[in-house]
PDB file of N, CA and C in Angstrom:
ATOM      1  N   UNK A   1     -70.009-192.890 -99.499  1.00  0.00           N
ATOM      2  CA  UNK A   1     -70.880-194.008 -99.215  1.00  0.00           C
ATOM      3  C   UNK A   1     -72.306-193.659 -99.604  1.00  0.00           C
ATOM      4  N   UNK A   2     -72.941-194.589-100.254  1.00  0.00           N
ATOM      5  CA  UNK A   2     -74.320-194.413-100.697  1.00  0.00           C
ATOM      6  C   UNK A   2     -75.271-194.983 -99.642  1.00  0.00           C
ATOM      7  N   UNK A   3     -76.354-194.274 -99.381  1.00  0.00           N
ATOM      8  CA  UNK A   3     -77.351-194.759 -98.426  1.00  0.00           C
ATOM      9  C   UNK A   3     -78.205-195.826 -99.104  1.00  0.00           C
ATOM     10  N   UNK A   4     -78.269-197.026 -98.531  1.00  0.00           N
ATOM     11  CA  UNK A   4     -79.061-198.104 -99.133  1.00  0.00           C
ATOM     12  C   UNK A   4     -80.555-197.805 -99.090  1.00  0.00           C
ATOM     13  N   UNK A   5     -81.274-198.356-100.054  1.00  0.00           N
ATOM     14  CA  UNK A   5     -82.729-198.229-100.119  1.00  0.00           C
ATOM     15  C   UNK A   5     -83.341-198.944 -98.909  1.00  0.00           C
ATOM     16  N   UNK A   6     -84.140-198.256 -98.100  1.00  0.00           N
ATOM     17  CA  UNK A   6     -84.721-198.884 -96.902  1.00  0.00           C
ATOM     18  C   UNK A   6     -85.557-200.130 -97.218  1.00  0.00           C
ATOM     19  N   UNK A   7     -86.248-200.129 -98.344  1.00  0.00           N
ATOM     20  CA  UNK A   7     -87.059-201.298 -98.706  1.00  0.00           C
ATOM     21  C   UNK A   7     -86.159-202.495 -99.015  1.00  0.00           C
ATOM     22  N   UNK A   8     -85.046-202.261 -99.686  1.00  0.00           N
ATOM     23  CA  UNK A   8     -84.098-203.338 -99.973  1.00  0.00           C
ATOM     24  C   UNK A   8     -83.527-203.898 -98.673  1.00  0.00           C
ATOM     25  N   UNK A   9     -83.235-203.024 -97.723  1.00  0.00           N
ATOM     26  CA  UNK A   9     -82.724-203.461 -96.420  1.00  0.00           C
ATOM     27  C   UNK A   9     -83.765-204.329 -95.725  1.00  0.00           C
ATOM     28  N   UNK A  10     -85.021-203.890 -95.711  1.00  0.00           N
ATOM     29  CA  UNK A  10     -86.090-204.664 -95.059  1.00  0.00           C
ATOM     30  C   UNK A  10     -86.273-206.033 -95.714  1.00  0.00           C
ATOM     31  N   UNK A  11     -86.210-206.063 -97.043  1.00  0.00           N
ATOM     32  CA  UNK A  11     -86.367-207.344 -97.746  1.00  0.00           C
ATOM     33  C   UNK A  11     -85.234-208.302 -97.399  1.00  0.00           C
ATOM     34  N   UNK A  12     -84.014-207.804 -97.415  1.00  0.00           N
ATOM     35  CA  UNK A  12     -82.875-208.655 -97.067  1.00  0.00           C
ATOM     36  C   UNK A  12     -82.965-209.114 -95.610  1.00  0.00           C
ATOM     37  N   UNK A  13     -83.374-208.225 -94.723  1.00  0.00           N
ATOM     38  CA  UNK A  13     -83.465-208.552 -93.295  1.00  0.00           C
ATOM     39  C   UNK A  13     -84.582-209.546 -93.001  1.00  0.00           C
ATOM     40  N   UNK A  14     -85.541-209.681 -93.896  1.00  0.00           N
ATOM     41  CA  UNK A  14     -86.653-210.605 -93.671  1.00  0.00           C
ATOM     42  C   UNK A  14     -86.304-212.037 -94.083  1.00  0.00           C
ATOM     43  N   UNK A  15     -85.111-212.227 -94.656  1.00  0.00           N
ATOM     44  CA  UNK A  15     -84.709-213.580 -95.031  1.00  0.00           C
ATOM     45  C   UNK A  15     -84.498-214.417 -93.772  1.00  0.00           C
ATOM     46  N   UNK A  16     -84.532-215.743 -93.911  1.00  0.00           N
ATOM     47  CA  UNK A  16     -84.504-216.621 -92.716  1.00  0.00           C
ATOM     48  C   UNK A  16     -83.117-216.806 -92.085  1.00  0.00           C
ATOM     49  N   UNK A  17     -82.569-215.712 -91.562  1.00  0.00           N
ATOM     50  CA  UNK A  17     -81.292-215.815 -90.858  1.00  0.00           C
ATOM     51  C   UNK A  17     -81.498-216.554 -89.543  1.00  0.00           C
ATOM     52  N   UNK A  18     -80.507-217.355 -89.169  1.00  0.00           N
ATOM     53  CA  UNK A  18     -80.550-218.044 -87.886  1.00  0.00           C
ATOM     54  C   UNK A  18     -80.484-216.996 -86.775  1.00  0.00           C
ATOM     55  N   UNK A  19     -81.335-217.168 -85.769  1.00  0.00           N
ATOM     56  CA  UNK A  19     -81.351-216.267 -84.620  1.00  0.00           C
ATOM     57  C   UNK A  19     -81.148-217.106 -83.365  1.00  0.00           C
ATOM     58  N   UNK A  20     -80.190-216.700 -82.555  1.00  0.00           N
ATOM     59  CA  UNK A  20     -79.881-217.428 -81.323  1.00  0.00           C
ATOM     60  C   UNK A  20     -80.099-216.478 -80.147  1.00  0.00           C
ATOM     61  N   UNK A  21     -80.935-216.908 -79.220  1.00  0.00           N
ATOM     62  CA  UNK A  21     -81.202-216.104 -78.026  1.00  0.00           C
ATOM     63  C   UNK A  21     -80.943-216.982 -76.814  1.00  0.00           C
ATOM     64  N   UNK A  22     -80.136-216.456 -75.900  1.00  0.00           N
ATOM     65  CA  UNK A  22     -79.854-217.219 -74.683  1.00  0.00           C
ATOM     66  C   UNK A  22     -79.801-216.253 -73.500  1.00  0.00           C
ATOM     67  N   UNK A  23     -80.059-216.795 -72.336  1.00  0.00           N
ATOM     68  CA  UNK A  23     -80.025-215.992 -71.125  1.00  0.00           C
ATOM     69  C   UNK A  23     -81.191-216.327 -70.224  1.00  0.00           C
ATOM     70  N   UNK A  24     -81.504-215.394 -69.323  1.00  0.00           N
ATOM     71  CA  UNK A  24     -82.622-215.606 -68.412  1.00  0.00           C
ATOM     72  C   UNK A  24     -83.171-214.257 -67.955  1.00  0.00           C
ATOM     73  N   UNK A  25     -84.278-214.328 -67.231  1.00  0.00           N
ATOM     74  CA  UNK A  25     -84.956-213.105 -66.781  1.00  0.00           C
ATOM     75  C   UNK A  25     -84.111-212.302 -65.793  1.00  0.00           C
ATOM     76  N   UNK A  26     -83.222-212.950 -65.068  1.00  0.00           N
ATOM     77  CA  UNK A  26     -82.402-212.266 -64.071  1.00  0.00           C
ATOM     78  C   UNK A  26     -81.264-211.500 -64.738  1.00  0.00           C
ATOM     79  N   UNK A  27     -80.511-212.168 -65.585  1.00  0.00           N
ATOM     80  CA  UNK A  27     -79.334-211.573 -66.225  1.00  0.00           C
ATOM     81  C   UNK A  27     -79.656-210.869 -67.542  1.00  0.00           C
ATOM     82  N   UNK A  28     -80.807-211.156 -68.126  1.00  0.00           N
ATOM     83  CA  UNK A  28     -81.151-210.612 -69.430  1.00  0.00           C
ATOM     84  C   UNK A  28     -80.839-211.614 -70.525  1.00  0.00           C
ATOM     85  N   UNK A  29     -81.123-211.241 -71.748  1.00  0.00           N
ATOM     86  CA  UNK A  29     -80.989-212.145 -72.882  1.00  0.00           C
ATOM     87  C   UNK A  29     -80.053-211.559 -73.928  1.00  0.00           C
ATOM     88  N   UNK A  30     -79.160-212.398 -74.426  1.00  0.00           N
ATOM     89  CA  UNK A  30     -78.253-212.042 -75.503  1.00  0.00           C
ATOM     90  C   UNK A  30     -78.833-212.631 -76.777  1.00  0.00           C
ATOM     91  N   UNK A  31     -78.885-211.830 -77.828  1.00  0.00           N
ATOM     92  CA  UNK A  31     -79.429-212.291 -79.104  1.00  0.00           C
ATOM     93  C   UNK A  31     -78.406-212.036 -80.199  1.00  0.00           C
ATOM     94  N   UNK A  32     -78.239-213.026 -81.084  1.00  0.00           N
ATOM     95  CA  UNK A  32     -77.286-212.852 -82.171  1.00  0.00           C
ATOM     96  C   UNK A  32     -77.782-213.530 -83.440  1.00  0.00           C
ATOM     97  N   UNK A  33     -77.267-213.050 -84.559  1.00  0.00           N
ATOM     98  CA  UNK A  33     -77.502-213.647 -85.872  1.00  0.00           C
ATOM     99  C   UNK A  33     -76.130-214.130 -86.335  1.00  0.00           C
ATOM    100  N   UNK A  34     -75.769-215.392 -86.032  1.00  0.00           N
ATOM    101  CA  UNK A  34     -74.412-215.860 -86.288  1.00  0.00           C
ATOM    102  C   UNK A  34     -73.984-215.815 -87.752  1.00  0.00           C
ATOM    103  N   UNK A  35     -74.921-215.798 -88.673  1.00  0.00           N
ATOM    104  CA  UNK A  35     -74.568-215.741 -90.093  1.00  0.00           C
ATOM    105  C   UNK A  35     -74.137-214.341 -90.525  1.00  0.00           C
ATOM    106  N   UNK A  36     -74.371-213.364 -89.638  1.00  0.00           N
ATOM    107  CA  UNK A  36     -73.965-211.983 -89.885  1.00  0.00           C
ATOM    108  C   UNK A  36     -72.930-211.631 -88.812  1.00  0.00           C
ATOM    109  N   UNK A  37     -71.651-211.809 -89.098  1.00  0.00           N
ATOM    110  CA  UNK A  37     -70.604-211.649 -88.081  1.00  0.00           C
ATOM    111  C   UNK A  37     -70.696-210.337 -87.298  1.00  0.00           C
ATOM    112  N   UNK A  38     -70.736-210.475 -85.980  1.00  0.00           N
ATOM    113  CA  UNK A  38     -70.794-209.308 -85.114  1.00  0.00           C
ATOM    114  C   UNK A  38     -72.193-208.758 -84.877  1.00  0.00           C
ATOM    115  N   UNK A  39     -73.198-209.401 -85.422  1.00  0.00           N
ATOM    116  CA  UNK A  39     -74.582-208.927 -85.253  1.00  0.00           C
ATOM    117  C   UNK A  39     -75.120-209.495 -83.940  1.00  0.00           C
ATOM    118  N   UNK A  40     -74.967-208.700 -82.875  1.00  0.00           N
ATOM    119  CA  UNK A  40     -75.316-209.126 -81.522  1.00  0.00           C
ATOM    120  C   UNK A  40     -76.013-207.974 -80.816  1.00  0.00           C
ATOM    121  N   UNK A  41     -76.988-208.301 -79.987  1.00  0.00           N
ATOM    122  CA  UNK A  41     -77.677-207.299 -79.182  1.00  0.00           C
ATOM    123  C   UNK A  41     -78.185-207.984 -77.916  1.00  0.00           C
ATOM    124  N   UNK A  42     -78.934-207.262 -77.112  1.00  0.00           N
ATOM    125  CA  UNK A  42     -79.447-207.830 -75.865  1.00  0.00           C
ATOM    126  C   UNK A  42     -80.787-207.194 -75.521  1.00  0.00           C
ATOM    127  N   UNK A  43     -81.501-207.849 -74.617  1.00  0.00           N
ATOM    128  CA  UNK A  43     -82.770-207.326 -74.141  1.00  0.00           C
ATOM    129  C   UNK A  43     -83.093-207.889 -72.771  1.00  0.00           C
ATOM    130  N   UNK A  44     -84.011-207.230 -72.077  1.00  0.00           N
ATOM    131  CA  UNK A  44     -84.398-207.660 -70.739  1.00  0.00           C
ATOM    132  C   UNK A  44     -85.327-208.869 -70.768  1.00  0.00           C
ATOM    133  N   UNK A  45     -86.009-209.081 -71.907  1.00  0.00           N
ATOM    134  CA  UNK A  45     -86.912-210.221 -72.071  1.00  0.00           C
ATOM    135  C   UNK A  45     -86.639-210.868 -73.425  1.00  0.00           C
ATOM    136  N   UNK A  46     -87.193-212.059 -73.619  1.00  0.00           N
ATOM    137  CA  UNK A  46     -87.030-212.715 -74.914  1.00  0.00           C
ATOM    138  C   UNK A  46     -87.663-211.868 -76.017  1.00  0.00           C
ATOM    139  N   UNK A  47     -88.813-211.298 -75.739  1.00  0.00           N
ATOM    140  CA  UNK A  47     -89.496-210.468 -76.739  1.00  0.00           C
ATOM    141  C   UNK A  47     -88.648-209.248 -77.090  1.00  0.00           C
ATOM    142  N   UNK A  48     -88.136-208.564 -76.080  1.00  0.00           N
ATOM    143  CA  UNK A  48     -87.299-207.396 -76.335  1.00  0.00           C
ATOM    144  C   UNK A  48     -86.029-207.783 -77.096  1.00  0.00           C
ATOM    145  N   UNK A  49     -85.396-208.883 -76.706  1.00  0.00           N
ATOM    146  CA  UNK A  49     -84.179-209.327 -77.391  1.00  0.00           C
ATOM    147  C   UNK A  49     -84.472-209.661 -78.850  1.00  0.00           C
ATOM    148  N   UNK A  50     -85.609-210.281 -79.113  1.00  0.00           N
ATOM    149  CA  UNK A  50     -85.998-210.621 -80.484  1.00  0.00           C
ATOM    150  C   UNK A  50     -86.224-209.359 -81.313  1.00  0.00           C
ATOM    151  N   UNK A  51     -86.918-208.388 -80.746  1.00  0.00           N
ATOM    152  CA  UNK A  51     -87.154-207.124 -81.448  1.00  0.00           C
ATOM    153  C   UNK A  51     -85.849-206.375 -81.701  1.00  0.00           C
ATOM    154  N   UNK A  52     -84.983-206.354 -80.693  1.00  0.00           N
ATOM    155  CA  UNK A  52     -83.694-205.684 -80.834  1.00  0.00           C
ATOM    156  C   UNK A  52     -82.834-206.382 -81.886  1.00  0.00           C
ATOM    157  N   UNK A  53     -82.934-207.708 -81.959  1.00  0.00           N
ATOM    158  CA  UNK A  53     -82.151-208.445 -82.944  1.00  0.00           C
ATOM    159  C   UNK A  53     -82.610-208.107 -84.356  1.00  0.00           C
ATOM    160  N   UNK A  54     -83.897-207.973 -84.558  1.00  0.00           N
ATOM    161  CA  UNK A  54     -84.376-207.599 -85.898  1.00  0.00           C
ATOM    162  C   UNK A  54     -83.829-206.229 -86.278  1.00  0.00           C
ATOM    163  N   UNK A  55     -83.828-205.289 -85.350  1.00  0.00           N
ATOM    164  CA  UNK A  55     -83.241-203.965 -85.608  1.00  0.00           C
ATOM    165  C   UNK A  55     -81.746-204.086 -85.904  1.00  0.00           C
ATOM    166  N   UNK A  56     -81.056-204.951 -85.147  1.00  0.00           N
ATOM    167  CA  UNK A  56     -79.620-205.135 -85.356  1.00  0.00           C
ATOM    168  C   UNK A  56     -79.334-205.737 -86.727  1.00  0.00           C
ATOM    169  N   UNK A  57     -80.154-206.687 -87.158  1.00  0.00           N
ATOM    170  CA  UNK A  57     -79.986-207.298 -88.477  1.00  0.00           C
ATOM    171  C   UNK A  57     -80.153-206.244 -89.560  1.00  0.00           C
ATOM    172  N   UNK A  58     -81.181-205.424 -89.437  1.00  0.00           N
ATOM    173  CA  UNK A  58     -81.397-204.361 -90.426  1.00  0.00           C
ATOM    174  C   UNK A  58     -80.217-203.388 -90.438  1.00  0.00           C
ATOM    175  N   UNK A  59     -79.733-203.011 -89.270  1.00  0.00           N
ATOM    176  CA  UNK A  59     -78.588-202.106 -89.191  1.00  0.00           C
ATOM    177  C   UNK A  59     -77.331-202.725 -89.775  1.00  0.00           C
ATOM    178  N   UNK A  60     -77.116-204.011 -89.522  1.00  0.00           N
ATOM    179  CA  UNK A  60     -75.949-204.718 -90.049  1.00  0.00           C
ATOM    180  C   UNK A  60     -76.001-204.723 -91.575  1.00  0.00           C
ATOM    181  N   UNK A  61     -77.151-205.065 -92.118  1.00  0.00           N
ATOM    182  CA  UNK A  61     -77.306-205.124 -93.576  1.00  0.00           C
ATOM    183  C   UNK A  61     -77.151-203.739 -94.188  1.00  0.00           C
ATOM    184  N   UNK A  62     -77.748-202.730 -93.576  1.00  0.00           N
ATOM    185  CA  UNK A  62     -77.632-201.366 -94.088  1.00  0.00           C
ATOM    186  C   UNK A  62     -76.173-200.917 -94.126  1.00  0.00           C
ATOM    187  N   UNK A  63     -75.438-201.191 -93.050  1.00  0.00           N
ATOM    188  CA  UNK A  63     -74.026-200.797 -92.989  1.00  0.00           C
ATOM    189  C   UNK A  63     -73.196-201.553 -94.026  1.00  0.00           C
ATOM    190  N   UNK A  64     -73.468-202.841 -94.194  1.00  0.00           N
ATOM    191  CA  UNK A  64     -72.722-203.639 -95.164  1.00  0.00           C
ATOM    192  C   UNK A  64     -72.987-203.145 -96.585  1.00  0.00           C
ATOM    193  N   UNK A  65     -74.241-202.862 -96.900  1.00  0.00           N
ATOM    194  CA  UNK A  65     -74.571-202.355 -98.234  1.00  0.00           C
ATOM    195  C   UNK A  65     -73.904-201.004 -98.480  1.00  0.00           C
ATOM    196  N   UNK A  66     -73.941-200.135 -97.483  1.00  0.00           N
ATOM    197  CA  UNK A  66     -73.333-198.803 -97.617  1.00  0.00           C
ATOM    198  C   UNK A  66     -71.831-198.914 -97.854  1.00  0.00           C
ATOM    199  N   UNK A  67     -71.210-199.946 -97.284  1.00  0.00           N
ATOM    200  CA  UNK A  67     -69.772-200.147 -97.440  1.00  0.00           C
ATOM    201  C   UNK A  67     -69.431-200.948 -98.694  1.00  0.00           C
ATOM    202  N   UNK A  68     -70.462-201.381 -99.426  1.00  0.00           N
ATOM    203  CA  UNK A  68     -70.234-202.155-100.641  1.00  0.00           C
ATOM    204  C   UNK A  68     -69.866-203.602-100.378  1.00  0.00           C
ATOM    205  N   UNK A  69     -70.175-204.097 -99.200  1.00  0.00           N
ATOM    206  CA  UNK A  69     -69.855-205.479 -98.840  1.00  0.00           C
ATOM    207  C   UNK A  69     -70.988-206.424 -99.240  1.00  0.00           C
ATOM    208  N   UNK A  70     -70.644-207.676 -99.450  1.00  0.00           N
ATOM    209  CA  UNK A  70     -71.633-208.694 -99.800  1.00  0.00           C
ATOM    210  C   UNK A  70     -72.456-209.064 -98.568  1.00  0.00           C
ATOM    211  N   UNK A  71     -73.710-209.371 -98.788  1.00  0.00           N
ATOM    212  CA  UNK A  71     -74.600-209.806 -97.714  1.00  0.00           C
ATOM    213  C   UNK A  71     -74.667-211.334 -97.774  1.00  0.00           C
ATOM    214  N   UNK A  72     -74.279-212.026 -96.698  1.00  0.00           N
ATOM    215  CA  UNK A  72     -74.322-213.489 -96.715  1.00  0.00           C
ATOM    216  C   UNK A  72     -75.755-214.003 -96.870  1.00  0.00           C
ATOM    217  N   UNK A  73     -75.889-215.105 -97.573  1.00  0.00           N
ATOM    218  CA  UNK A  73     -77.198-215.748 -97.656  1.00  0.00           C
ATOM    219  C   UNK A  73     -77.434-216.522 -96.363  1.00  0.00           C
ATOM    220  N   UNK A  74     -78.678-216.566 -95.915  1.00  0.00           N
ATOM    221  CA  UNK A  74     -78.978-217.384 -94.743  1.00  0.00           C
ATOM    222  C   UNK A  74     -78.695-218.853 -95.042  1.00  0.00           C
ATOM    223  N   UNK A  75     -78.283-219.600 -94.042  1.00  0.00           N
ATOM    224  CA  UNK A  75     -78.001-221.013 -94.219  1.00  0.00           C
ATOM    225  C   UNK A  75     -79.186-221.777 -94.779  1.00  0.00           C
ATOM    226  N   UNK A  76     -80.394-221.394 -94.401  1.00  0.00           N
ATOM    227  CA  UNK A  76     -81.597-222.068 -94.866  1.00  0.00           C
ATOM    228  C   UNK A  76     -81.796-221.898 -96.377  1.00  0.00           C
ATOM    229  N   UNK A  77     -81.151-220.901 -96.975  1.00  0.00           N
ATOM    230  CA  UNK A  77     -81.323-220.650 -98.398  1.00  0.00           C
ATOM    231  C   UNK A  77     -80.198-221.256 -99.245  1.00  0.00           C
ATOM    232  N   UNK A  78     -79.140-221.738 -98.588  1.00  0.00           N
ATOM    233  CA  UNK A  78     -78.009-222.293 -99.326  1.00  0.00           C
ATOM    234  C   UNK A  78     -78.346-223.688 -99.828  1.00  0.00           C
ATOM    235  N   UNK A  79     -77.970-223.974-101.038  1.00  0.00           N
ATOM    236  CA  UNK A  79     -78.171-225.300-101.599  1.00  0.00           C
ATOM    237  C   UNK A  79     -77.032-226.209-101.188  1.00  0.00           C
ATOM    238  N   UNK A  80     -77.340-227.439-100.878  1.00  0.00           N
ATOM    239  CA  UNK A  80     -76.293-228.395-100.548  1.00  0.00           C
ATOM    240  C   UNK A  80     -76.296-229.491-101.601  1.00  0.00           C
ATOM    241  N   UNK A  81     -75.127-230.047-101.848  1.00  0.00           N
ATOM    242  CA  UNK A  81     -75.014-231.112-102.856  1.00  0.00           C
ATOM    243  C   UNK A  81     -75.092-232.470-102.204  1.00  0.00           C
TER     244      UNK A  81
END
């Protein structure tokens, strides 16, 4: 397995992937990027969950690139007819 270029990972991770955060201050917050299957994390606050999700997106993309898998385009970037 080849280690992906960190700059390429950051560029791909900066694309407009949908981010879903739900929960509350008592139970914590679950954050996911549904366009990247299995890309889920959590945090004690919305800010922490958002930061953790960005790290999770970068990790997901890095792992997919290392495995030679295709990186899905964000829904916002897909053309519709």
